[in-house]
N, C-alpha and C. Protein backbone atom coordinates (compact mmCIF):
# COMPACT_ATOMS: atom_id res chain seq x y z
N GLY A 1 0.77 -1.21 -0.02
CA GLY A 1 -0.02 0.11 -0.03
C GLY A 1 0.89 1.19 0.00
N ILE A 2 0.14 2.40 -0.03
CA ILE A 2 0.87 3.69 -0.04
C ILE A 2 1.12 4.07 1.39
N ALA A 3 2.33 4.54 1.69
CA ALA A 3 2.76 4.96 3.04
C ALA A 3 2.01 6.21 3.42
N PRO A 4 1.24 6.27 4.62
CA PRO A 4 0.54 7.47 4.96
C PRO A 4 1.54 8.50 5.39
N GLU A 5 1.01 9.78 5.43
CA GLU A 5 1.86 10.88 5.75
C GLU A 5 2.54 10.71 7.09
N GLY A 6 2.01 10.11 8.06
CA GLY A 6 2.63 9.95 9.39
C GLY A 6 3.76 8.94 9.45
N THR A 7 4.14 8.19 8.34
CA THR A 7 5.14 7.23 8.52
C THR A 7 6.43 7.73 7.99
N ARG A 8 6.57 8.93 7.50
CA ARG A 8 7.88 9.50 7.05
C ARG A 8 8.72 9.70 8.26
N ASN A 9 10.07 9.74 7.92
CA ASN A 9 10.93 9.88 9.05
C ASN A 9 11.00 11.34 9.46
N LYS A 10 11.67 11.72 10.55
CA LYS A 10 11.61 13.02 11.22
C LYS A 10 12.30 14.10 10.37
N THR A 11 13.14 13.75 9.34
CA THR A 11 13.82 14.77 8.57
C THR A 11 12.84 15.33 7.51
N GLY A 12 11.71 14.73 7.25
CA GLY A 12 10.88 15.17 6.13
C GLY A 12 11.22 14.37 4.83
N LYS A 13 12.41 13.71 4.79
CA LYS A 13 12.76 12.96 3.61
C LYS A 13 11.98 11.65 3.54
N LEU A 14 11.83 11.08 2.30
CA LEU A 14 11.12 9.93 2.13
C LEU A 14 11.99 8.70 2.56
N ASN A 15 11.22 7.73 3.09
CA ASN A 15 11.94 6.47 3.40
C ASN A 15 12.16 5.68 2.15
N PRO A 16 13.32 5.08 2.03
CA PRO A 16 13.62 4.23 0.73
C PRO A 16 12.62 3.02 0.71
N ALA A 17 12.44 2.63 -0.55
CA ALA A 17 11.69 1.47 -0.94
C ALA A 17 10.22 1.46 -0.37
N GLU A 18 9.66 2.65 -0.34
CA GLU A 18 8.22 2.87 0.05
C GLU A 18 7.56 3.72 -0.99
N PRO A 19 6.30 3.29 -1.46
CA PRO A 19 5.66 4.13 -2.39
C PRO A 19 4.91 5.27 -1.72
N TYR A 20 4.90 6.42 -2.45
CA TYR A 20 4.22 7.66 -1.92
C TYR A 20 3.36 8.29 -3.01
N GLN A 21 2.27 8.81 -2.60
CA GLN A 21 1.42 9.76 -3.43
C GLN A 21 1.88 11.17 -3.05
N LEU A 22 2.76 11.79 -3.90
CA LEU A 22 3.37 13.01 -3.47
C LEU A 22 2.28 14.16 -3.17
N ALA A 23 1.29 14.22 -3.92
CA ALA A 23 0.26 15.26 -3.73
C ALA A 23 -0.41 15.15 -2.31
N LYS A 24 -0.36 14.01 -1.71
CA LYS A 24 -0.95 13.85 -0.39
C LYS A 24 -0.01 14.12 0.77
N LEU A 25 1.30 14.37 0.45
CA LEU A 25 2.21 14.57 1.55
C LEU A 25 2.21 15.90 2.12
N LEU A 26 1.61 16.88 1.46
CA LEU A 26 1.44 18.24 2.04
C LEU A 26 0.02 18.59 1.99
N ASN A 27 -0.46 19.26 3.01
CA ASN A 27 -1.85 19.82 3.01
C ASN A 27 -1.77 21.33 2.52
N TYR A 28 -2.91 21.85 2.10
CA TYR A 28 -3.09 23.27 1.92
C TYR A 28 -3.27 23.93 3.28
N VAL A 29 -2.57 25.11 3.33
CA VAL A 29 -2.77 25.90 4.55
C VAL A 29 -3.18 27.24 4.12
N PRO A 30 -4.38 27.75 4.74
CA PRO A 30 -4.90 29.01 4.31
C PRO A 30 -3.93 30.14 4.34
N GLY A 31 -3.81 30.88 3.18
CA GLY A 31 -2.95 31.99 3.12
C GLY A 31 -1.44 31.70 3.11
N SER A 32 -1.06 30.49 2.90
CA SER A 32 0.30 30.13 3.07
C SER A 32 0.91 29.33 1.89
N ILE A 33 2.21 29.28 1.93
CA ILE A 33 3.01 28.33 1.09
C ILE A 33 3.62 27.38 2.06
N VAL A 34 3.56 26.07 1.80
CA VAL A 34 4.13 25.02 2.60
C VAL A 34 5.15 24.33 1.71
N SER A 35 6.40 24.08 2.25
CA SER A 35 7.40 23.35 1.49
C SER A 35 7.93 22.16 2.31
N ARG A 36 8.35 21.19 1.69
CA ARG A 36 9.02 20.02 2.24
C ARG A 36 10.12 19.50 1.35
N THR A 37 11.31 19.42 1.82
CA THR A 37 12.42 18.91 1.06
C THR A 37 12.37 17.35 1.15
N LEU A 38 12.22 16.73 -0.05
CA LEU A 38 12.17 15.29 0.00
C LEU A 38 13.54 14.58 -0.22
N VAL A 39 14.40 15.24 -0.98
CA VAL A 39 15.72 14.80 -1.29
C VAL A 39 16.57 15.94 -1.38
N ALA A 40 17.85 15.87 -0.71
CA ALA A 40 18.81 16.93 -0.69
C ALA A 40 20.20 16.29 -0.76
N GLY A 41 20.95 16.57 -1.80
CA GLY A 41 22.28 15.96 -2.00
C GLY A 41 23.11 16.85 -2.83
N LYS A 42 24.31 16.40 -3.12
CA LYS A 42 25.27 17.13 -3.90
C LYS A 42 24.79 17.28 -5.41
N ALA A 43 23.98 16.41 -5.78
CA ALA A 43 23.48 16.34 -7.21
C ALA A 43 22.25 17.38 -7.36
N GLY A 44 21.67 17.62 -6.24
CA GLY A 44 20.52 18.55 -6.34
C GLY A 44 19.42 18.30 -5.20
N THR A 45 18.28 18.94 -5.37
CA THR A 45 17.25 18.86 -4.42
C THR A 45 15.83 18.51 -5.10
N VAL A 46 15.06 17.86 -4.38
CA VAL A 46 13.61 17.73 -4.80
C VAL A 46 12.77 18.19 -3.59
N THR A 47 11.97 19.28 -3.95
CA THR A 47 11.08 19.93 -2.89
C THR A 47 9.70 19.95 -3.36
N LEU A 48 8.82 19.56 -2.42
CA LEU A 48 7.38 19.62 -2.64
C LEU A 48 6.79 20.91 -2.04
N PHE A 49 5.93 21.58 -2.84
CA PHE A 49 5.33 22.80 -2.40
C PHE A 49 3.79 22.76 -2.46
N SER A 50 3.14 23.30 -1.53
CA SER A 50 1.64 23.62 -1.68
C SER A 50 1.47 25.10 -1.56
N PHE A 51 0.68 25.63 -2.54
CA PHE A 51 0.35 27.07 -2.53
C PHE A 51 -1.11 27.17 -2.33
N ASP A 52 -1.52 27.94 -1.33
CA ASP A 52 -2.91 28.33 -1.27
C ASP A 52 -3.21 29.33 -2.30
N ALA A 53 -4.54 29.44 -2.63
CA ALA A 53 -4.96 30.37 -3.69
C ALA A 53 -4.40 31.80 -3.40
N GLY A 54 -3.81 32.39 -4.47
CA GLY A 54 -3.35 33.78 -4.37
C GLY A 54 -1.86 33.89 -3.86
N GLN A 55 -1.20 32.71 -3.60
CA GLN A 55 0.14 32.75 -3.10
C GLN A 55 1.09 32.49 -4.25
N GLY A 56 2.42 32.91 -4.03
CA GLY A 56 3.37 32.72 -5.00
C GLY A 56 4.79 32.99 -4.47
N LEU A 57 5.75 32.91 -5.35
CA LEU A 57 7.19 33.25 -5.06
C LEU A 57 7.58 34.30 -6.08
N SER A 58 8.18 35.35 -5.43
CA SER A 58 8.53 36.51 -6.31
C SER A 58 9.71 36.14 -7.25
N GLU A 59 9.87 36.93 -8.33
CA GLU A 59 10.91 36.56 -9.26
C GLU A 59 12.29 36.52 -8.64
N HIS A 60 12.90 35.44 -9.08
CA HIS A 60 14.32 35.24 -8.63
C HIS A 60 14.96 34.37 -9.75
N SER A 61 16.29 34.14 -9.62
CA SER A 61 16.96 33.19 -10.55
C SER A 61 17.86 32.25 -9.80
N ALA A 62 18.13 31.15 -10.33
CA ALA A 62 19.02 30.19 -9.76
C ALA A 62 20.09 29.75 -10.66
N PRO A 63 21.26 29.37 -10.20
CA PRO A 63 22.40 29.04 -11.04
C PRO A 63 22.30 27.63 -11.75
N PHE A 64 21.16 26.97 -11.47
CA PHE A 64 21.01 25.60 -11.98
C PHE A 64 19.64 25.44 -12.72
N ASP A 65 19.54 24.54 -13.59
CA ASP A 65 18.27 24.20 -14.16
C ASP A 65 17.35 23.57 -13.15
N ALA A 66 16.05 23.81 -13.27
CA ALA A 66 15.11 23.18 -12.39
C ALA A 66 13.87 22.81 -13.27
N MET A 67 13.22 21.72 -12.78
CA MET A 67 12.02 21.20 -13.40
C MET A 67 10.89 21.25 -12.44
N VAL A 68 9.81 21.82 -12.94
CA VAL A 68 8.53 21.95 -12.09
C VAL A 68 7.52 20.96 -12.67
N GLN A 69 7.01 20.12 -11.78
CA GLN A 69 5.95 19.20 -12.10
C GLN A 69 4.66 19.62 -11.33
N VAL A 70 3.53 19.92 -12.01
CA VAL A 70 2.32 20.31 -11.26
C VAL A 70 1.63 19.06 -10.89
N LEU A 71 1.40 18.82 -9.56
CA LEU A 71 0.82 17.57 -9.02
C LEU A 71 -0.65 17.77 -8.80
N ASP A 72 -1.07 19.03 -8.54
CA ASP A 72 -2.47 19.30 -8.27
C ASP A 72 -2.82 20.75 -8.55
N GLY A 73 -3.91 21.02 -9.13
CA GLY A 73 -4.37 22.30 -9.39
C GLY A 73 -3.71 22.88 -10.56
N GLU A 74 -3.47 24.24 -10.56
CA GLU A 74 -2.75 24.96 -11.64
C GLU A 74 -2.01 26.11 -11.06
N THR A 75 -0.90 26.47 -11.79
CA THR A 75 -0.11 27.65 -11.31
C THR A 75 0.47 28.27 -12.51
N GLU A 76 0.77 29.58 -12.32
CA GLU A 76 1.39 30.31 -13.50
C GLU A 76 2.83 30.47 -13.21
N LEU A 77 3.71 30.03 -14.08
CA LEU A 77 5.17 30.13 -14.01
C LEU A 77 5.43 31.41 -14.87
N THR A 78 6.31 32.31 -14.54
CA THR A 78 6.77 33.26 -15.40
C THR A 78 8.33 33.11 -15.52
N ILE A 79 8.71 32.81 -16.78
CA ILE A 79 10.13 32.54 -17.00
C ILE A 79 10.66 33.43 -18.09
N GLY A 80 11.63 34.20 -17.66
CA GLY A 80 12.16 35.24 -18.56
C GLY A 80 11.12 36.19 -18.96
N GLY A 81 10.15 36.55 -18.22
CA GLY A 81 9.02 37.50 -18.49
C GLY A 81 7.87 36.94 -19.25
N LYS A 82 7.96 35.59 -19.55
CA LYS A 82 6.81 34.96 -20.32
C LYS A 82 5.97 34.16 -19.37
N PRO A 83 4.69 34.50 -19.23
CA PRO A 83 3.73 33.70 -18.37
C PRO A 83 3.42 32.42 -19.02
N ILE A 84 3.43 31.36 -18.20
CA ILE A 84 3.12 29.99 -18.67
C ILE A 84 2.09 29.36 -17.72
N LEU A 85 0.87 29.16 -18.05
CA LEU A 85 -0.16 28.56 -17.19
C LEU A 85 0.05 27.09 -17.29
N THR A 86 0.34 26.44 -16.11
CA THR A 86 0.57 25.00 -16.05
C THR A 86 -0.51 24.36 -15.20
N LYS A 87 -0.93 23.14 -15.53
CA LYS A 87 -2.02 22.43 -14.86
C LYS A 87 -1.50 21.07 -14.40
N THR A 88 -2.33 20.39 -13.63
CA THR A 88 -2.01 19.02 -13.12
C THR A 88 -1.53 18.16 -14.16
N GLY A 89 -0.40 17.47 -13.92
CA GLY A 89 0.16 16.61 -14.91
C GLY A 89 1.18 17.19 -15.90
N GLU A 90 1.31 18.51 -15.85
CA GLU A 90 2.25 19.16 -16.77
C GLU A 90 3.61 19.46 -16.11
N THR A 91 4.64 19.46 -16.92
CA THR A 91 6.03 19.70 -16.42
C THR A 91 6.64 20.79 -17.32
N VAL A 92 7.35 21.64 -16.61
CA VAL A 92 8.09 22.79 -17.38
C VAL A 92 9.53 22.86 -16.80
N VAL A 93 10.50 23.05 -17.65
CA VAL A 93 11.90 23.27 -17.29
C VAL A 93 12.18 24.70 -17.13
N MET A 94 12.71 25.11 -16.14
CA MET A 94 13.20 26.42 -15.86
C MET A 94 14.65 26.57 -16.04
N PRO A 95 15.16 27.17 -17.04
CA PRO A 95 16.65 27.15 -17.29
C PRO A 95 17.42 27.99 -16.29
N ALA A 96 18.71 27.55 -16.08
CA ALA A 96 19.57 28.25 -15.16
C ALA A 96 19.74 29.74 -15.51
N ASN A 97 19.86 30.55 -14.53
CA ASN A 97 20.20 31.94 -14.70
C ASN A 97 19.17 32.83 -15.39
N ILE A 98 17.93 32.25 -15.65
CA ILE A 98 16.82 33.04 -16.18
C ILE A 98 15.83 33.33 -15.05
N PRO A 99 15.44 34.62 -14.87
CA PRO A 99 14.50 34.97 -13.76
C PRO A 99 13.26 34.19 -13.95
N HIS A 100 12.66 33.80 -12.81
CA HIS A 100 11.37 33.06 -12.85
C HIS A 100 10.61 33.40 -11.60
N ALA A 101 9.32 33.26 -11.66
CA ALA A 101 8.44 33.50 -10.52
C ALA A 101 7.33 32.50 -10.66
N VAL A 102 6.57 32.31 -9.52
CA VAL A 102 5.51 31.37 -9.42
C VAL A 102 4.30 32.14 -8.85
N HIS A 103 3.13 31.97 -9.39
CA HIS A 103 1.92 32.57 -8.86
C HIS A 103 0.76 31.63 -9.01
N SER A 104 0.05 31.24 -7.95
CA SER A 104 -1.03 30.36 -7.93
C SER A 104 -2.30 31.10 -7.62
N GLU A 105 -3.10 31.32 -8.74
CA GLU A 105 -4.37 32.05 -8.51
C GLU A 105 -5.35 31.06 -7.72
N LYS A 106 -5.18 29.73 -8.10
CA LYS A 106 -5.97 28.67 -7.37
C LYS A 106 -4.98 27.82 -6.63
N GLN A 107 -5.55 27.03 -5.69
CA GLN A 107 -4.59 26.12 -4.96
C GLN A 107 -3.79 25.22 -5.90
N SER A 108 -2.54 24.98 -5.57
CA SER A 108 -1.74 24.05 -6.38
C SER A 108 -0.68 23.42 -5.51
N LYS A 109 -0.19 22.32 -6.00
CA LYS A 109 0.93 21.57 -5.42
C LYS A 109 1.86 21.30 -6.61
N ILE A 110 3.24 21.62 -6.32
CA ILE A 110 4.14 21.36 -7.38
C ILE A 110 5.38 20.66 -6.69
N LEU A 111 6.08 19.88 -7.57
CA LEU A 111 7.35 19.24 -7.19
C LEU A 111 8.37 19.93 -8.00
N LEU A 112 9.43 20.53 -7.30
CA LEU A 112 10.56 21.21 -7.86
C LEU A 112 11.78 20.40 -7.77
N THR A 113 12.39 20.09 -8.86
CA THR A 113 13.63 19.25 -8.85
C THR A 113 14.76 20.23 -9.43
N MET A 114 15.68 20.44 -8.61
CA MET A 114 16.84 21.22 -9.06
C MET A 114 18.04 20.41 -9.20
N ILE A 115 18.70 20.54 -10.43
CA ILE A 115 19.86 19.76 -10.73
C ILE A 115 21.11 20.66 -10.59
N ARG A 116 22.00 20.29 -9.76
CA ARG A 116 23.19 21.07 -9.46
C ARG A 116 24.32 20.57 -10.36
N GLY A 117 24.29 20.80 -11.64
CA GLY A 117 25.30 20.35 -12.48
C GLY A 117 25.17 20.87 -13.92
């Protein structure tokens, strides 16, 4: 079966050799953004985010490529000034050193994978 939220270890990282439904690992919190780092290492990070309606991350850039996978809802990514509406099941690559922002008019959950290389 699927490991329930309560069975994860205390670091927030996922236990090896256990199946997870990622969208169920974080709840929506009114007026907030919640994040949980699932994997962190020299090669990169994998972070799960939930955005309540109207929440977002202001424009910033990173020195590494990142991939955003929308697990629930929809969110607008702005990459290099270009708005991209993404919905459940869609994936977008955000290239290194290009300014990007996230804004969720509706509730959304995303998985952000950053590759340090």
